[in-house]
Amino acid sequence: MLESPTVEVTVNGARREVPDGVTVRGLVEHLGLGEGPVAVEINRAIVPRAQHERRAVNAGDEIEIVHFVGGG
């Protein structure tokens, strides 16, 4: 069985292997954060939500994801 190629990135300070060619949206879903709003920064630049489906994640990227949780 062939494994899908992966790339190494840093997500919130932790090194991770993610599918090669994954988009920001795909990464968020891969990490189980697809429910609710998130803010994403790649290499210290904010990725607007409108670009999440198009912006590819590349090997070596440093990614910060903030997942908003409601409550009171």
PDB file of N, CA and C in Angstrom:
ATOM      1  N   MET A   1       0.834  -1.178   0.000  1.00  0.00           N
ATOM      2  CA  MET A   1       0.000   0.000   0.000  1.00  0.00           C
ATOM      3  C   MET A   1       0.883   1.248   0.000  1.00  0.00           C
ATOM      4  N   LEU A   2       0.617   2.176  -0.901  1.00  0.00           N
ATOM      5  CA  LEU A   2       1.388   3.414  -0.984  1.00  0.00           C
ATOM      6  C   LEU A   2       0.863   4.436  -0.001  1.00  0.00           C
ATOM      7  N   GLU A   3       1.773   5.078   0.686  1.00  0.00           N
ATOM      8  CA  GLU A   3       1.373   6.144   1.600  1.00  0.00           C
ATOM      9  C   GLU A   3       1.399   7.469   0.861  1.00  0.00           C
ATOM     10  N   SER A   4       0.499   8.356   1.244  1.00  0.00           N
ATOM     11  CA  SER A   4       0.474   9.692   0.650  1.00  0.00           C
ATOM     12  C   SER A   4       1.703  10.455   1.108  1.00  0.00           C
ATOM     13  N   PRO A   5       2.285  11.269   0.216  1.00  0.00           N
ATOM     14  CA  PRO A   5       3.444  12.068   0.629  1.00  0.00           C
ATOM     15  C   PRO A   5       3.045  13.105   1.673  1.00  0.00           C
ATOM     16  N   THR A   6       3.971  13.379   2.559  1.00  0.00           N
ATOM     17  CA  THR A   6       3.724  14.368   3.605  1.00  0.00           C
ATOM     18  C   THR A   6       4.841  15.413   3.605  1.00  0.00           C
ATOM     19  N   VAL A   7       4.572  16.525   4.267  1.00  0.00           N
ATOM     20  CA  VAL A   7       5.568  17.560   4.501  1.00  0.00           C
ATOM     21  C   VAL A   7       5.566  17.875   5.987  1.00  0.00           C
ATOM     22  N   GLU A   8       6.685  18.383   6.466  1.00  0.00           N
ATOM     23  CA  GLU A   8       6.787  18.736   7.878  1.00  0.00           C
ATOM     24  C   GLU A   8       6.582  20.234   8.051  1.00  0.00           C
ATOM     25  N   VAL A   9       5.690  20.577   8.977  1.00  0.00           N
ATOM     26  CA  VAL A   9       5.424  21.966   9.326  1.00  0.00           C
ATOM     27  C   VAL A   9       5.424  22.078  10.847  1.00  0.00           C
ATOM     28  N   THR A  10       5.383  23.290  11.340  1.00  0.00           N
ATOM     29  CA  THR A  10       5.246  23.521  12.772  1.00  0.00           C
ATOM     30  C   THR A  10       3.887  24.150  13.006  1.00  0.00           C
ATOM     31  N   VAL A  11       3.085  23.504  13.852  1.00  0.00           N
ATOM     32  CA  VAL A  11       1.744  24.010  14.175  1.00  0.00           C
ATOM     33  C   VAL A  11       1.706  24.297  15.663  1.00  0.00           C
ATOM     34  N   ASN A  12       1.492  25.565  16.003  1.00  0.00           N
ATOM     35  CA  ASN A  12       1.429  25.997  17.399  1.00  0.00           C
ATOM     36  C   ASN A  12       2.629  25.481  18.195  1.00  0.00           C
ATOM     37  N   GLY A  13       3.806  25.566  17.582  1.00  0.00           N
ATOM     38  CA  GLY A  13       5.050  25.212  18.257  1.00  0.00           C
ATOM     39  C   GLY A  13       5.439  23.749  18.198  1.00  0.00           C
ATOM     40  N   ALA A  14       4.584  22.885  17.637  1.00  0.00           N
ATOM     41  CA  ALA A  14       4.873  21.450  17.569  1.00  0.00           C
ATOM     42  C   ALA A  14       5.082  21.028  16.117  1.00  0.00           C
ATOM     43  N   ARG A  15       6.124  20.242  15.880  1.00  0.00           N
ATOM     44  CA  ARG A  15       6.371  19.735  14.521  1.00  0.00           C
ATOM     45  C   ARG A  15       5.330  18.669  14.197  1.00  0.00           C
ATOM     46  N   ARG A  16       4.818  18.749  12.970  1.00  0.00           N
ATOM     47  CA  ARG A  16       3.809  17.783  12.518  1.00  0.00           C
ATOM     48  C   ARG A  16       4.058  17.441  11.064  1.00  0.00           C
ATOM     49  N   GLU A  17       3.685  16.240  10.697  1.00  0.00           N
ATOM     50  CA  GLU A  17       3.681  15.866   9.294  1.00  0.00           C
ATOM     51  C   GLU A  17       2.240  15.960   8.821  1.00  0.00           C
ATOM     52  N   VAL A  18       2.050  16.660   7.712  1.00  0.00           N
ATOM     53  CA  VAL A  18       0.714  16.850   7.150  1.00  0.00           C
ATOM     54  C   VAL A  18       0.743  16.447   5.681  1.00  0.00           C
ATOM     55  N   PRO A  19      -0.423  16.138   5.110  1.00  0.00           N
ATOM     56  CA  PRO A  19      -0.448  15.737   3.699  1.00  0.00           C
ATOM     57  C   PRO A  19       0.142  16.821   2.798  1.00  0.00           C
ATOM     58  N   ASP A  20       0.976  16.409   1.861  1.00  0.00           N
ATOM     59  CA  ASP A  20       1.567  17.335   0.899  1.00  0.00           C
ATOM     60  C   ASP A  20       0.455  17.975   0.072  1.00  0.00           C
ATOM     61  N   GLY A  21       0.525  19.282  -0.114  1.00  0.00           N
ATOM     62  CA  GLY A  21      -0.455  19.997  -0.921  1.00  0.00           C
ATOM     63  C   GLY A  21      -1.717  20.382  -0.185  1.00  0.00           C
ATOM     64  N   VAL A  22      -1.781  20.111   1.125  1.00  0.00           N
ATOM     65  CA  VAL A  22      -2.979  20.441   1.886  1.00  0.00           C
ATOM     66  C   VAL A  22      -3.160  21.961   1.938  1.00  0.00           C
ATOM     67  N   THR A  23      -4.404  22.393   1.900  1.00  0.00           N
ATOM     68  CA  THR A  23      -4.709  23.811   2.044  1.00  0.00           C
ATOM     69  C   THR A  23      -4.885  24.140   3.521  1.00  0.00           C
ATOM     70  N   VAL A  24      -4.974  25.425   3.824  1.00  0.00           N
ATOM     71  CA  VAL A  24      -5.220  25.837   5.209  1.00  0.00           C
ATOM     72  C   VAL A  24      -6.513  25.195   5.702  1.00  0.00           C
ATOM     73  N   ARG A  25      -7.562  25.252   4.895  1.00  0.00           N
ATOM     74  CA  ARG A  25      -8.845  24.649   5.289  1.00  0.00           C
ATOM     75  C   ARG A  25      -8.683  23.155   5.535  1.00  0.00           C
ATOM     76  N   GLY A  26      -7.981  22.483   4.648  1.00  0.00           N
ATOM     77  CA  GLY A  26      -7.735  21.056   4.810  1.00  0.00           C
ATOM     78  C   GLY A  26      -6.948  20.749   6.067  1.00  0.00           C
ATOM     79  N   LEU A  27      -5.974  21.594   6.397  1.00  0.00           N
ATOM     80  CA  LEU A  27      -5.180  21.416   7.608  1.00  0.00           C
ATOM     81  C   LEU A  27      -6.054  21.567   8.843  1.00  0.00           C
ATOM     82  N   VAL A  28      -6.882  22.591   8.846  1.00  0.00           N
ATOM     83  CA  VAL A  28      -7.781  22.823   9.980  1.00  0.00           C
ATOM     84  C   VAL A  28      -8.671  21.596  10.192  1.00  0.00           C
ATOM     85  N   GLU A  29      -9.214  21.056   9.118  1.00  0.00           N
ATOM     86  CA  GLU A  29     -10.055  19.856   9.220  1.00  0.00           C
ATOM     87  C   GLU A  29      -9.227  18.646   9.652  1.00  0.00           C
ATOM     88  N   HIS A  30      -8.021  18.507   9.104  1.00  0.00           N
ATOM     89  CA  HIS A  30      -7.117  17.400   9.455  1.00  0.00           C
ATOM     90  C   HIS A  30      -6.823  17.401  10.959  1.00  0.00           C
ATOM     91  N   LEU A  31      -6.735  18.589  11.546  1.00  0.00           N
ATOM     92  CA  LEU A  31      -6.445  18.720  12.972  1.00  0.00           C
ATOM     93  C   LEU A  31      -7.697  18.618  13.841  1.00  0.00           C
ATOM     94  N   GLY A  32      -8.852  18.437  13.211  1.00  0.00           N
ATOM     95  CA  GLY A  32     -10.101  18.299  13.969  1.00  0.00           C
ATOM     96  C   GLY A  32     -10.661  19.611  14.467  1.00  0.00           C
ATOM     97  N   LEU A  33     -10.304  20.707  13.805  1.00  0.00           N
ATOM     98  CA  LEU A  33     -10.763  22.026  14.237  1.00  0.00           C
ATOM     99  C   LEU A  33     -11.773  22.625  13.260  1.00  0.00           C
ATOM    100  N   GLY A  34     -12.429  21.789  12.473  1.00  0.00           N
ATOM    101  CA  GLY A  34     -13.353  22.255  11.442  1.00  0.00           C
ATOM    102  C   GLY A  34     -14.628  22.877  11.968  1.00  0.00           C
ATOM    103  N   GLU A  35     -14.961  22.604  13.208  1.00  0.00           N
ATOM    104  CA  GLU A  35     -16.175  23.179  13.792  1.00  0.00           C
ATOM    105  C   GLU A  35     -15.842  24.516  14.444  1.00  0.00           C
ATOM    106  N   GLY A  36     -16.511  25.550  14.036  1.00  0.00           N
ATOM    107  CA  GLY A  36     -16.296  26.861  14.643  1.00  0.00           C
ATOM    108  C   GLY A  36     -15.207  27.650  13.948  1.00  0.00           C
ATOM    109  N   PRO A  37     -15.153  28.932  14.241  1.00  0.00           N
ATOM    110  CA  PRO A  37     -14.185  29.819  13.582  1.00  0.00           C
ATOM    111  C   PRO A  37     -12.759  29.626  14.105  1.00  0.00           C
ATOM    112  N   VAL A  38     -11.806  29.852  13.212  1.00  0.00           N
ATOM    113  CA  VAL A  38     -10.394  29.813  13.581  1.00  0.00           C
ATOM    114  C   VAL A  38      -9.689  31.008  12.945  1.00  0.00           C
ATOM    115  N   ALA A  39      -8.588  31.405  13.540  1.00  0.00           N
ATOM    116  CA  ALA A  39      -7.690  32.401  12.953  1.00  0.00           C
ATOM    117  C   ALA A  39      -6.389  31.675  12.652  1.00  0.00           C
ATOM    118  N   VAL A  40      -5.827  31.922  11.470  1.00  0.00           N
ATOM    119  CA  VAL A  40      -4.619  31.217  11.055  1.00  0.00           C
ATOM    120  C   VAL A  40      -3.560  32.225  10.626  1.00  0.00           C
ATOM    121  N   GLU A  41      -2.343  31.968  11.091  1.00  0.00           N
ATOM    122  CA  GLU A  41      -1.192  32.770  10.718  1.00  0.00           C
ATOM    123  C   GLU A  41      -0.131  31.805  10.192  1.00  0.00           C
ATOM    124  N   ILE A  42       0.442  32.119   9.028  1.00  0.00           N
ATOM    125  CA  ILE A  42       1.520  31.310   8.477  1.00  0.00           C
ATOM    126  C   ILE A  42       2.739  32.209   8.302  1.00  0.00           C
ATOM    127  N   ASN A  43       3.831  31.793   8.920  1.00  0.00           N
ATOM    128  CA  ASN A  43       5.088  32.556   8.857  1.00  0.00           C
ATOM    129  C   ASN A  43       4.865  34.022   9.235  1.00  0.00           C
ATOM    130  N   ARG A  44       4.108  34.201  10.308  1.00  0.00           N
ATOM    131  CA  ARG A  44       3.827  35.511  10.912  1.00  0.00           C
ATOM    132  C   ARG A  44       2.944  36.420  10.071  1.00  0.00           C
ATOM    133  N   ALA A  45       2.240  35.854   9.086  1.00  0.00           N
ATOM    134  CA  ALA A  45       1.302  36.633   8.271  1.00  0.00           C
ATOM    135  C   ALA A  45      -0.085  36.003   8.404  1.00  0.00           C
ATOM    136  N   ILE A  46      -1.066  36.821   8.731  1.00  0.00           N
ATOM    137  CA  ILE A  46      -2.435  36.326   8.869  1.00  0.00           C
ATOM    138  C   ILE A  46      -2.956  35.889   7.505  1.00  0.00           C
ATOM    139  N   VAL A  47      -3.603  34.734   7.493  1.00  0.00           N
ATOM    140  CA  VAL A  47      -4.235  34.229   6.268  1.00  0.00           C
ATOM    141  C   VAL A  47      -5.728  34.541   6.388  1.00  0.00           C
ATOM    142  N   PRO A  48      -6.240  35.468   5.568  1.00  0.00           N
ATOM    143  CA  PRO A  48      -7.664  35.801   5.646  1.00  0.00           C
ATOM    144  C   PRO A  48      -8.534  34.561   5.410  1.00  0.00           C
ATOM    145  N   ARG A  49      -9.637  34.493   6.115  1.00  0.00           N
ATOM    146  CA  ARG A  49     -10.526  33.337   6.019  1.00  0.00           C
ATOM    147  C   ARG A  49     -10.925  33.040   4.565  1.00  0.00           C
ATOM    148  N   ALA A  50     -11.108  34.076   3.764  1.00  0.00           N
ATOM    149  CA  ALA A  50     -11.496  33.899   2.365  1.00  0.00           C
ATOM    150  C   ALA A  50     -10.434  33.148   1.566  1.00  0.00           C
ATOM    151  N   GLN A  51      -9.194  33.083   2.076  1.00  0.00           N
ATOM    152  CA  GLN A  51      -8.105  32.390   1.370  1.00  0.00           C
ATOM    153  C   GLN A  51      -7.829  30.986   1.905  1.00  0.00           C
ATOM    154  N   HIS A  52      -8.522  30.572   2.960  1.00  0.00           N
ATOM    155  CA  HIS A  52      -8.245  29.275   3.585  1.00  0.00           C
ATOM    156  C   HIS A  52      -8.387  28.108   2.614  1.00  0.00           C
ATOM    157  N   GLU A  53      -9.331  28.175   1.687  1.00  0.00           N
ATOM    158  CA  GLU A  53      -9.543  27.065   0.758  1.00  0.00           C
ATOM    159  C   GLU A  53      -8.519  27.048  -0.370  1.00  0.00           C
ATOM    160  N   ARG A  54      -7.829  28.169  -0.600  1.00  0.00           N
ATOM    161  CA  ARG A  54      -6.866  28.253  -1.709  1.00  0.00           C
ATOM    162  C   ARG A  54      -5.414  28.224  -1.253  1.00  0.00           C
ATOM    163  N   ARG A  55      -5.133  28.716  -0.072  1.00  0.00           N
ATOM    164  CA  ARG A  55      -3.752  28.867   0.401  1.00  0.00           C
ATOM    165  C   ARG A  55      -3.164  27.514   0.774  1.00  0.00           C
ATOM    166  N   ALA A  56      -2.137  27.094   0.049  1.00  0.00           N
ATOM    167  CA  ALA A  56      -1.477  25.815   0.323  1.00  0.00           C
ATOM    168  C   ALA A  56      -0.504  25.963   1.484  1.00  0.00           C
ATOM    169  N   VAL A  57      -0.355  24.888   2.225  1.00  0.00           N
ATOM    170  CA  VAL A  57       0.631  24.797   3.295  1.00  0.00           C
ATOM    171  C   VAL A  57       1.883  24.179   2.682  1.00  0.00           C
ATOM    172  N   ASN A  58       3.043  24.763   2.962  1.00  0.00           N
ATOM    173  CA  ASN A  58       4.305  24.303   2.376  1.00  0.00           C
ATOM    174  C   ASN A  58       5.239  23.761   3.446  1.00  0.00           C
ATOM    175  N   ALA A  59       6.133  22.877   3.040  1.00  0.00           N
ATOM    176  CA  ALA A  59       7.126  22.323   3.956  1.00  0.00           C
ATOM    177  C   ALA A  59       7.867  23.455   4.655  1.00  0.00           C
ATOM    178  N   GLY A  60       8.041  23.319   5.959  1.00  0.00           N
ATOM    179  CA  GLY A  60       8.783  24.301   6.734  1.00  0.00           C
ATOM    180  C   GLY A  60       7.954  25.468   7.245  1.00  0.00           C
ATOM    181  N   ASP A  61       6.691  25.565   6.831  1.00  0.00           N
ATOM    182  CA  ASP A  61       5.859  26.671   7.313  1.00  0.00           C
ATOM    183  C   ASP A  61       5.695  26.605   8.825  1.00  0.00           C
ATOM    184  N   GLU A  62       5.661  27.784   9.432  1.00  0.00           N
ATOM    185  CA  GLU A  62       5.359  27.908  10.854  1.00  0.00           C
ATOM    186  C   GLU A  62       3.945  28.458  10.949  1.00  0.00           C
ATOM    187  N   ILE A  63       3.052  27.651  11.504  1.00  0.00           N
ATOM    188  CA  ILE A  63       1.628  27.944  11.488  1.00  0.00           C
ATOM    189  C   ILE A  63       1.125  28.094  12.912  1.00  0.00           C
ATOM    190  N   GLU A  64       0.345  29.123  13.125  1.00  0.00           N
ATOM    191  CA  GLU A  64      -0.342  29.324  14.402  1.00  0.00           C
ATOM    192  C   GLU A  64      -1.832  29.292  14.113  1.00  0.00           C
ATOM    193  N   ILE A  65      -2.555  28.485  14.870  1.00  0.00           N
ATOM    194  CA  ILE A  65      -4.003  28.388  14.712  1.00  0.00           C
ATOM    195  C   ILE A  65      -4.651  28.664  16.054  1.00  0.00           C
ATOM    196  N   VAL A  66      -5.588  29.600  16.037  1.00  0.00           N
ATOM    197  CA  VAL A  66      -6.351  29.903  17.240  1.00  0.00           C
ATOM    198  C   VAL A  66      -7.788  29.488  16.956  1.00  0.00           C
ATOM    199  N   HIS A  67      -8.303  28.596  17.793  1.00  0.00           N
ATOM    200  CA  HIS A  67      -9.665  28.078  17.656  1.00  0.00           C
ATOM    201  C   HIS A  67     -10.527  28.786  18.696  1.00  0.00           C
ATOM    202  N   PHE A  68     -11.564  29.456  18.248  1.00  0.00           N
ATOM    203  CA  PHE A  68     -12.415  30.199  19.155  1.00  0.00           C
ATOM    204  C   PHE A  68     -13.471  29.278  19.760  1.00  0.00           C
ATOM    205  N   VAL A  69     -13.605  29.342  21.068  1.00  0.00           N
ATOM    206  CA  VAL A  69     -14.562  28.506  21.778  1.00  0.00           C
ATOM    207  C   VAL A  69     -15.531  29.425  22.509  1.00  0.00           C
ATOM    208  N   GLY A  70     -16.815  29.189  22.328  1.00  0.00           N
ATOM    209  CA  GLY A  70     -17.835  29.993  22.999  1.00  0.00           C
ATOM    210  C   GLY A  70     -18.002  29.552  24.446  1.00  0.00           C
ATOM    211  N   GLY A  71     -18.635  30.368  25.188  1.00  0.00           N
ATOM    212  CA  GLY A  71     -18.887  30.036  26.592  1.00  0.00           C
ATOM    213  C   GLY A  71     -19.160  31.303  27.384  1.00  0.00           C
ATOM    214  N   GLY A  72     -19.449  31.115  28.623  1.00  0.00           N
ATOM    215  CA  GLY A  72     -19.760  32.302  29.397  1.00  0.00           C
ATOM    216  C   GLY A  72     -19.337  32.238  30.805  1.00  0.00           C
TER     217      GLY A  72
END
